[in-house]
N, C-alpha and C. Protein backbone atom coordinates (compact mmCIF):
# COMPACT_ATOMS: atom_id res chain seq x y z
N MET A 1 -11.20 -3.89 20.46
CA MET A 1 -10.77 -4.09 19.07
C MET A 1 -9.98 -5.38 19.04
N GLU A 2 -10.29 -6.21 18.01
CA GLU A 2 -9.59 -7.47 17.83
C GLU A 2 -8.16 -7.21 17.41
N LYS A 3 -7.28 -8.18 17.74
CA LYS A 3 -5.86 -8.05 17.35
C LYS A 3 -5.71 -7.98 15.83
N LEU A 4 -6.53 -8.77 15.14
CA LEU A 4 -6.48 -8.77 13.67
C LEU A 4 -6.76 -7.38 13.10
N THR A 5 -7.80 -6.75 13.66
CA THR A 5 -8.14 -5.38 13.23
C THR A 5 -7.01 -4.41 13.56
N LEU A 6 -6.43 -4.54 14.71
CA LEU A 6 -5.34 -3.67 15.13
C LEU A 6 -4.15 -3.85 14.18
N TYR A 7 -3.79 -5.10 13.87
CA TYR A 7 -2.67 -5.33 12.94
C TYR A 7 -2.95 -4.74 11.55
N ALA A 8 -4.18 -4.88 11.08
CA ALA A 8 -4.55 -4.32 9.77
C ALA A 8 -4.39 -2.80 9.81
N ILE A 9 -4.88 -2.17 10.88
CA ILE A 9 -4.76 -0.71 10.99
C ILE A 9 -3.28 -0.29 11.08
N LEU A 10 -2.47 -1.01 11.81
CA LEU A 10 -1.05 -0.67 11.92
C LEU A 10 -0.35 -0.82 10.57
N ILE A 11 -0.63 -1.88 9.83
CA ILE A 11 -0.01 -2.07 8.51
C ILE A 11 -0.44 -0.95 7.56
N ALA A 12 -1.72 -0.65 7.54
CA ALA A 12 -2.23 0.38 6.63
C ALA A 12 -1.68 1.75 7.00
N SER A 13 -1.52 2.02 8.30
CA SER A 13 -0.98 3.30 8.74
C SER A 13 0.50 3.42 8.36
N PHE A 14 1.29 2.34 8.56
CA PHE A 14 2.66 2.33 8.18
C PHE A 14 2.79 2.54 6.66
N HIS A 15 1.93 1.89 5.91
CA HIS A 15 1.92 2.01 4.46
C HIS A 15 1.65 3.48 4.04
N PHE A 16 0.71 4.11 4.72
CA PHE A 16 0.38 5.55 4.41
C PHE A 16 1.60 6.42 4.62
N ILE A 17 2.32 6.21 5.71
CA ILE A 17 3.48 7.03 6.00
C ILE A 17 4.56 6.80 4.93
N VAL A 18 4.80 5.53 4.57
CA VAL A 18 5.82 5.23 3.55
C VAL A 18 5.44 5.77 2.19
N VAL A 19 4.13 5.72 1.85
CA VAL A 19 3.67 6.30 0.61
C VAL A 19 4.02 7.81 0.53
N GLY A 20 3.81 8.50 1.66
CA GLY A 20 4.14 9.91 1.73
C GLY A 20 5.62 10.20 1.49
N ILE A 21 6.48 9.41 2.15
CA ILE A 21 7.90 9.60 2.00
C ILE A 21 8.34 9.22 0.57
N HIS A 22 7.80 8.13 0.03
CA HIS A 22 8.15 7.72 -1.33
C HIS A 22 7.67 8.77 -2.33
N GLY A 23 6.50 9.28 -2.12
CA GLY A 23 5.97 10.33 -3.03
C GLY A 23 6.81 11.59 -3.01
N PHE A 24 7.29 11.96 -1.79
CA PHE A 24 8.19 13.09 -1.67
C PHE A 24 9.51 12.85 -2.42
N ALA A 25 10.03 11.64 -2.31
CA ALA A 25 11.25 11.27 -3.06
C ALA A 25 11.02 11.39 -4.55
N HIS A 26 9.82 10.92 -5.02
CA HIS A 26 9.44 11.07 -6.44
C HIS A 26 9.56 12.52 -6.90
N GLN A 27 9.09 13.42 -6.06
CA GLN A 27 9.11 14.86 -6.41
C GLN A 27 10.51 15.44 -6.39
N ILE A 28 11.33 15.08 -5.38
CA ILE A 28 12.68 15.63 -5.27
C ILE A 28 13.61 15.21 -6.35
N ILE A 29 13.54 13.92 -6.75
CA ILE A 29 14.57 13.33 -7.66
C ILE A 29 14.56 14.00 -9.03
N PRO A 30 13.62 14.28 -9.83
CA PRO A 30 12.26 13.84 -9.88
C PRO A 30 12.10 12.58 -10.71
N VAL A 31 11.06 11.83 -10.39
CA VAL A 31 10.71 10.63 -11.15
C VAL A 31 9.32 10.88 -11.75
N PRO A 32 9.25 11.04 -13.08
CA PRO A 32 7.96 11.38 -13.69
C PRO A 32 6.97 10.22 -13.69
N ILE A 33 5.69 10.55 -13.51
CA ILE A 33 4.61 9.56 -13.63
C ILE A 33 3.49 10.17 -14.45
N SER A 34 2.73 9.34 -15.08
CA SER A 34 1.64 9.81 -15.93
C SER A 34 0.45 10.28 -15.11
N MET A 35 -0.48 10.97 -15.74
CA MET A 35 -1.70 11.40 -15.08
C MET A 35 -2.51 10.19 -14.61
N LEU A 36 -2.57 9.14 -15.42
CA LEU A 36 -3.28 7.93 -15.03
C LEU A 36 -2.62 7.26 -13.86
N GLN A 37 -1.31 7.22 -13.82
CA GLN A 37 -0.59 6.66 -12.64
C GLN A 37 -0.87 7.51 -11.41
N SER A 38 -0.87 8.82 -11.56
CA SER A 38 -1.19 9.69 -10.44
C SER A 38 -2.58 9.46 -9.90
N LEU A 39 -3.54 9.32 -10.79
CA LEU A 39 -4.90 9.00 -10.37
C LEU A 39 -5.00 7.71 -9.59
N PHE A 40 -4.30 6.69 -10.08
CA PHE A 40 -4.30 5.40 -9.38
C PHE A 40 -3.62 5.50 -8.02
N ILE A 41 -2.50 6.17 -7.98
CA ILE A 41 -1.75 6.36 -6.69
C ILE A 41 -2.62 7.09 -5.69
N ILE A 42 -3.24 8.18 -6.10
CA ILE A 42 -4.06 8.97 -5.15
C ILE A 42 -5.27 8.15 -4.67
N SER A 43 -5.99 7.56 -5.64
CA SER A 43 -7.25 6.92 -5.26
C SER A 43 -7.08 5.55 -4.63
N ILE A 44 -6.29 4.67 -5.19
CA ILE A 44 -6.16 3.30 -4.71
C ILE A 44 -5.09 3.13 -3.68
N ILE A 45 -3.95 3.69 -3.89
CA ILE A 45 -2.79 3.47 -3.02
C ILE A 45 -2.83 4.36 -1.78
N THR A 46 -3.35 5.57 -1.93
CA THR A 46 -3.34 6.54 -0.80
C THR A 46 -4.68 6.62 -0.07
N ILE A 47 -5.75 6.94 -0.79
CA ILE A 47 -7.01 7.23 -0.12
C ILE A 47 -7.78 6.00 0.35
N THR A 48 -7.82 4.97 -0.50
CA THR A 48 -8.61 3.75 -0.13
C THR A 48 -8.13 3.08 1.16
N PRO A 49 -6.81 2.92 1.42
CA PRO A 49 -6.41 2.35 2.69
C PRO A 49 -6.81 3.21 3.92
N VAL A 50 -6.84 4.52 3.72
CA VAL A 50 -7.28 5.41 4.84
C VAL A 50 -8.76 5.22 5.07
N VAL A 51 -9.55 5.07 4.01
CA VAL A 51 -10.96 4.78 4.20
C VAL A 51 -11.15 3.45 4.90
N ALA A 52 -10.31 2.46 4.55
CA ALA A 52 -10.38 1.15 5.19
C ALA A 52 -10.06 1.25 6.68
N ILE A 53 -9.07 2.09 7.05
CA ILE A 53 -8.76 2.28 8.45
C ILE A 53 -9.95 2.88 9.20
N VAL A 54 -10.60 3.91 8.61
CA VAL A 54 -11.76 4.53 9.23
C VAL A 54 -12.86 3.52 9.43
N LEU A 55 -13.12 2.69 8.42
CA LEU A 55 -14.17 1.68 8.53
C LEU A 55 -13.81 0.64 9.61
N LEU A 56 -12.57 0.21 9.63
CA LEU A 56 -12.17 -0.76 10.67
C LEU A 56 -12.30 -0.18 12.08
N ARG A 57 -11.99 1.08 12.21
CA ARG A 57 -12.11 1.73 13.54
C ARG A 57 -13.59 1.89 13.93
N ARG A 58 -14.47 1.96 12.96
CA ARG A 58 -15.92 2.10 13.25
C ARG A 58 -16.64 0.78 13.25
N GLU A 59 -15.90 -0.29 13.40
CA GLU A 59 -16.46 -1.66 13.53
C GLU A 59 -17.11 -2.16 12.22
N SER A 60 -16.79 -1.60 11.10
CA SER A 60 -17.25 -2.15 9.80
C SER A 60 -16.16 -3.12 9.32
N PHE A 61 -16.02 -4.25 9.98
CA PHE A 61 -14.93 -5.16 9.79
C PHE A 61 -14.84 -5.65 8.33
N TYR A 62 -15.90 -6.22 7.84
CA TYR A 62 -15.89 -6.84 6.51
C TYR A 62 -15.57 -5.83 5.40
N THR A 63 -16.28 -4.69 5.45
CA THR A 63 -16.07 -3.65 4.42
C THR A 63 -14.67 -3.07 4.49
N GLY A 64 -14.19 -2.84 5.70
CA GLY A 64 -12.85 -2.34 5.90
C GLY A 64 -11.78 -3.30 5.38
N MET A 65 -11.94 -4.57 5.76
CA MET A 65 -10.98 -5.60 5.28
C MET A 65 -11.03 -5.75 3.79
N ALA A 66 -12.24 -5.70 3.20
CA ALA A 66 -12.40 -5.87 1.78
C ALA A 66 -11.72 -4.71 1.02
N LEU A 67 -11.93 -3.47 1.49
CA LEU A 67 -11.26 -2.33 0.89
C LEU A 67 -9.74 -2.40 1.04
N LEU A 68 -9.31 -2.82 2.22
CA LEU A 68 -7.87 -2.94 2.44
C LEU A 68 -7.29 -4.00 1.51
N PHE A 69 -7.95 -5.11 1.41
CA PHE A 69 -7.48 -6.18 0.49
C PHE A 69 -7.38 -5.64 -0.94
N GLY A 70 -8.44 -5.04 -1.45
CA GLY A 70 -8.40 -4.58 -2.86
C GLY A 70 -7.35 -3.54 -3.07
N SER A 71 -7.22 -2.59 -2.13
CA SER A 71 -6.23 -1.51 -2.36
C SER A 71 -4.81 -2.05 -2.22
N MET A 72 -4.56 -2.92 -1.28
CA MET A 72 -3.21 -3.46 -1.12
C MET A 72 -2.83 -4.40 -2.26
N LEU A 73 -3.82 -5.16 -2.77
CA LEU A 73 -3.51 -6.01 -3.93
C LEU A 73 -3.18 -5.16 -5.14
N GLY A 74 -4.01 -4.15 -5.37
CA GLY A 74 -3.75 -3.26 -6.53
C GLY A 74 -2.43 -2.51 -6.40
N ALA A 75 -2.17 -2.05 -5.15
CA ALA A 75 -0.95 -1.30 -4.91
C ALA A 75 0.29 -2.19 -5.09
N SER A 76 0.20 -3.42 -4.62
CA SER A 76 1.36 -4.32 -4.74
C SER A 76 1.65 -4.67 -6.21
N ILE A 77 0.62 -4.93 -6.95
CA ILE A 77 0.78 -5.25 -8.40
C ILE A 77 1.40 -4.01 -9.08
N PHE A 78 0.82 -2.85 -8.86
CA PHE A 78 1.32 -1.61 -9.45
C PHE A 78 2.79 -1.36 -9.07
N GLY A 79 3.06 -1.49 -7.77
CA GLY A 79 4.44 -1.17 -7.27
C GLY A 79 5.49 -2.19 -7.76
N ILE A 80 5.16 -3.47 -7.68
CA ILE A 80 6.07 -4.48 -8.12
C ILE A 80 6.38 -4.30 -9.60
N TYR A 81 5.35 -4.07 -10.38
CA TYR A 81 5.49 -3.91 -11.83
C TYR A 81 6.36 -2.68 -12.13
N ASN A 82 6.03 -1.56 -11.57
CA ASN A 82 6.73 -0.29 -11.87
C ASN A 82 8.11 -0.16 -11.23
N HIS A 83 8.29 -0.67 -10.02
CA HIS A 83 9.56 -0.51 -9.37
C HIS A 83 10.56 -1.65 -9.62
N PHE A 84 10.05 -2.85 -9.97
CA PHE A 84 10.97 -3.99 -10.01
C PHE A 84 10.92 -4.79 -11.33
N ILE A 85 9.93 -4.57 -12.18
CA ILE A 85 9.83 -5.40 -13.39
C ILE A 85 10.12 -4.58 -14.64
N VAL A 86 9.27 -3.65 -15.00
CA VAL A 86 9.45 -2.91 -16.23
C VAL A 86 10.52 -1.85 -16.06
N ILE A 87 11.47 -1.79 -17.02
CA ILE A 87 12.51 -0.76 -16.94
C ILE A 87 11.96 0.54 -17.44
N SER A 88 11.86 1.48 -16.53
CA SER A 88 11.32 2.82 -16.78
C SER A 88 11.98 3.80 -15.80
N PRO A 89 11.71 5.07 -15.88
CA PRO A 89 12.28 5.99 -14.91
C PRO A 89 11.88 5.66 -13.45
N ASP A 90 10.82 4.88 -13.27
CA ASP A 90 10.30 4.51 -11.95
C ASP A 90 10.91 3.24 -11.40
N HIS A 91 11.71 2.56 -12.21
CA HIS A 91 12.38 1.30 -11.79
C HIS A 91 13.51 1.66 -10.81
N ILE A 92 13.66 0.89 -9.75
CA ILE A 92 14.71 1.20 -8.77
C ILE A 92 16.11 1.21 -9.35
N SER A 93 16.37 0.46 -10.38
CA SER A 93 17.73 0.42 -10.94
C SER A 93 18.02 1.70 -11.73
N GLN A 94 17.01 2.49 -12.07
CA GLN A 94 17.19 3.69 -12.86
C GLN A 94 17.35 4.94 -11.99
N ILE A 95 17.25 4.76 -10.73
CA ILE A 95 17.33 5.87 -9.76
C ILE A 95 18.77 5.97 -9.27
N PRO A 96 19.40 7.12 -9.40
CA PRO A 96 20.82 7.25 -8.90
C PRO A 96 20.84 7.07 -7.39
N ALA A 97 21.92 6.48 -6.90
CA ALA A 97 22.05 6.17 -5.49
C ALA A 97 22.52 7.38 -4.68
N THR A 98 21.83 8.50 -4.89
CA THR A 98 22.08 9.70 -4.10
C THR A 98 21.26 9.56 -2.78
N ASN A 99 21.27 10.61 -1.98
CA ASN A 99 20.50 10.56 -0.73
C ASN A 99 19.03 10.25 -0.99
N TRP A 100 18.40 11.04 -1.83
CA TRP A 100 16.97 10.82 -2.07
C TRP A 100 16.75 9.58 -2.97
N GLY A 101 17.73 9.22 -3.77
CA GLY A 101 17.67 7.99 -4.53
C GLY A 101 17.60 6.79 -3.62
N LYS A 102 18.36 6.80 -2.59
CA LYS A 102 18.37 5.70 -1.59
C LYS A 102 17.03 5.68 -0.86
N VAL A 103 16.52 6.84 -0.52
CA VAL A 103 15.21 6.91 0.13
C VAL A 103 14.14 6.32 -0.81
N PHE A 104 14.21 6.66 -2.09
CA PHE A 104 13.28 6.13 -3.06
C PHE A 104 13.37 4.60 -3.12
N GLN A 105 14.57 4.08 -3.21
CA GLN A 105 14.77 2.63 -3.29
C GLN A 105 14.33 1.89 -2.02
N ILE A 106 14.67 2.42 -0.90
CA ILE A 106 14.28 1.79 0.40
C ILE A 106 12.79 1.80 0.56
N THR A 107 12.16 2.95 0.25
CA THR A 107 10.72 3.04 0.43
C THR A 107 9.96 2.19 -0.61
N ALA A 108 10.58 1.97 -1.80
CA ALA A 108 9.96 1.04 -2.78
C ALA A 108 9.89 -0.38 -2.18
N PHE A 109 10.97 -0.80 -1.51
CA PHE A 109 10.95 -2.11 -0.87
C PHE A 109 9.98 -2.13 0.33
N LEU A 110 9.96 -1.08 1.14
CA LEU A 110 9.04 -1.06 2.29
C LEU A 110 7.58 -1.03 1.80
N LEU A 111 7.31 -0.36 0.71
CA LEU A 111 5.93 -0.36 0.16
C LEU A 111 5.57 -1.79 -0.22
N MET A 112 6.47 -2.46 -0.94
CA MET A 112 6.17 -3.83 -1.37
C MET A 112 5.91 -4.72 -0.14
N ILE A 113 6.72 -4.63 0.85
CA ILE A 113 6.54 -5.43 2.06
C ILE A 113 5.20 -5.11 2.76
N SER A 114 4.91 -3.80 2.92
CA SER A 114 3.70 -3.44 3.65
C SER A 114 2.47 -3.84 2.81
N GLU A 115 2.55 -3.75 1.51
CA GLU A 115 1.40 -4.12 0.66
C GLU A 115 1.16 -5.64 0.72
N ILE A 116 2.23 -6.39 0.69
CA ILE A 116 2.05 -7.85 0.75
C ILE A 116 1.50 -8.21 2.14
N LEU A 117 1.99 -7.58 3.19
CA LEU A 117 1.44 -7.81 4.53
C LEU A 117 -0.02 -7.39 4.59
N GLY A 118 -0.34 -6.27 3.98
CA GLY A 118 -1.71 -5.80 3.91
C GLY A 118 -2.64 -6.78 3.21
N VAL A 119 -2.21 -7.31 2.10
CA VAL A 119 -2.99 -8.34 1.38
C VAL A 119 -3.19 -9.53 2.28
N GLY A 120 -2.13 -10.00 2.92
CA GLY A 120 -2.20 -11.15 3.79
C GLY A 120 -3.13 -10.99 4.98
N ILE A 121 -2.99 -9.87 5.71
CA ILE A 121 -3.76 -9.68 6.91
C ILE A 121 -5.26 -9.46 6.57
N SER A 122 -5.51 -8.76 5.48
CA SER A 122 -6.94 -8.51 5.10
C SER A 122 -7.57 -9.78 4.56
N LEU A 123 -6.81 -10.56 3.80
CA LEU A 123 -7.35 -11.87 3.35
C LEU A 123 -7.64 -12.79 4.50
N TRP A 124 -6.76 -12.79 5.49
CA TRP A 124 -6.92 -13.60 6.67
C TRP A 124 -8.19 -13.12 7.42
N GLY A 125 -8.35 -11.81 7.50
CA GLY A 125 -9.53 -11.26 8.15
C GLY A 125 -10.82 -11.64 7.44
N LEU A 126 -10.79 -11.56 6.13
CA LEU A 126 -11.98 -11.89 5.35
C LEU A 126 -12.35 -13.39 5.49
N ILE A 127 -11.35 -14.25 5.45
CA ILE A 127 -11.58 -15.70 5.54
C ILE A 127 -12.06 -16.06 6.93
N THR A 128 -11.42 -15.54 7.98
CA THR A 128 -11.85 -15.87 9.34
C THR A 128 -13.18 -15.27 9.66
N LYS A 129 -13.52 -14.12 9.12
CA LYS A 129 -14.81 -13.50 9.33
C LYS A 129 -15.92 -14.39 8.77
N GLU A 130 -15.70 -14.94 7.59
CA GLU A 130 -16.69 -15.81 6.98
C GLU A 130 -16.81 -17.08 7.81
N LYS A 131 -15.78 -17.62 8.34
CA LYS A 131 -15.85 -18.84 9.17
C LYS A 131 -16.63 -18.55 10.44
N ARG A 132 -16.34 -17.37 11.07
CA ARG A 132 -17.04 -17.01 12.30
C ARG A 132 -18.51 -16.84 12.09
N GLU A 133 -18.91 -16.30 10.90
CA GLU A 133 -20.34 -16.06 10.63
C GLU A 133 -21.07 -17.37 10.33
N ARG A 134 -20.40 -18.39 9.86
CA ARG A 134 -21.07 -19.68 9.58
C ARG A 134 -21.38 -20.47 10.85
N ILE A 135 -20.67 -20.22 11.92
CA ILE A 135 -20.82 -21.00 13.15
C ILE A 135 -22.06 -20.57 13.89
């Protein structure tokens, strides 16, 4: 397994764990989300990166990296908008700094970091894959 593939899998795996913790904090606090937001979170933010990991482990490099890129880009836009830009119950400033509130806030930042890293590593993988295929 290439280092690039390993890094992509590690980032996506870390992201999956943080999504679970953040989602649990959403439930405990509670922070309401719409049905459409739930659908996006389940399909794009949670399931698609797992599918990308499976594809990367099965040597489907391009498809895995493309799925990882799309899911991490969508997740980062969604997360940055909802946690840091628009003032709503999901914005980090609206969450009380209780125990689970702090978990929510920390995981919101960790999600943003892991998603940006996921976009970067998958884009790097897609670009270098195309260069390798041209040679």
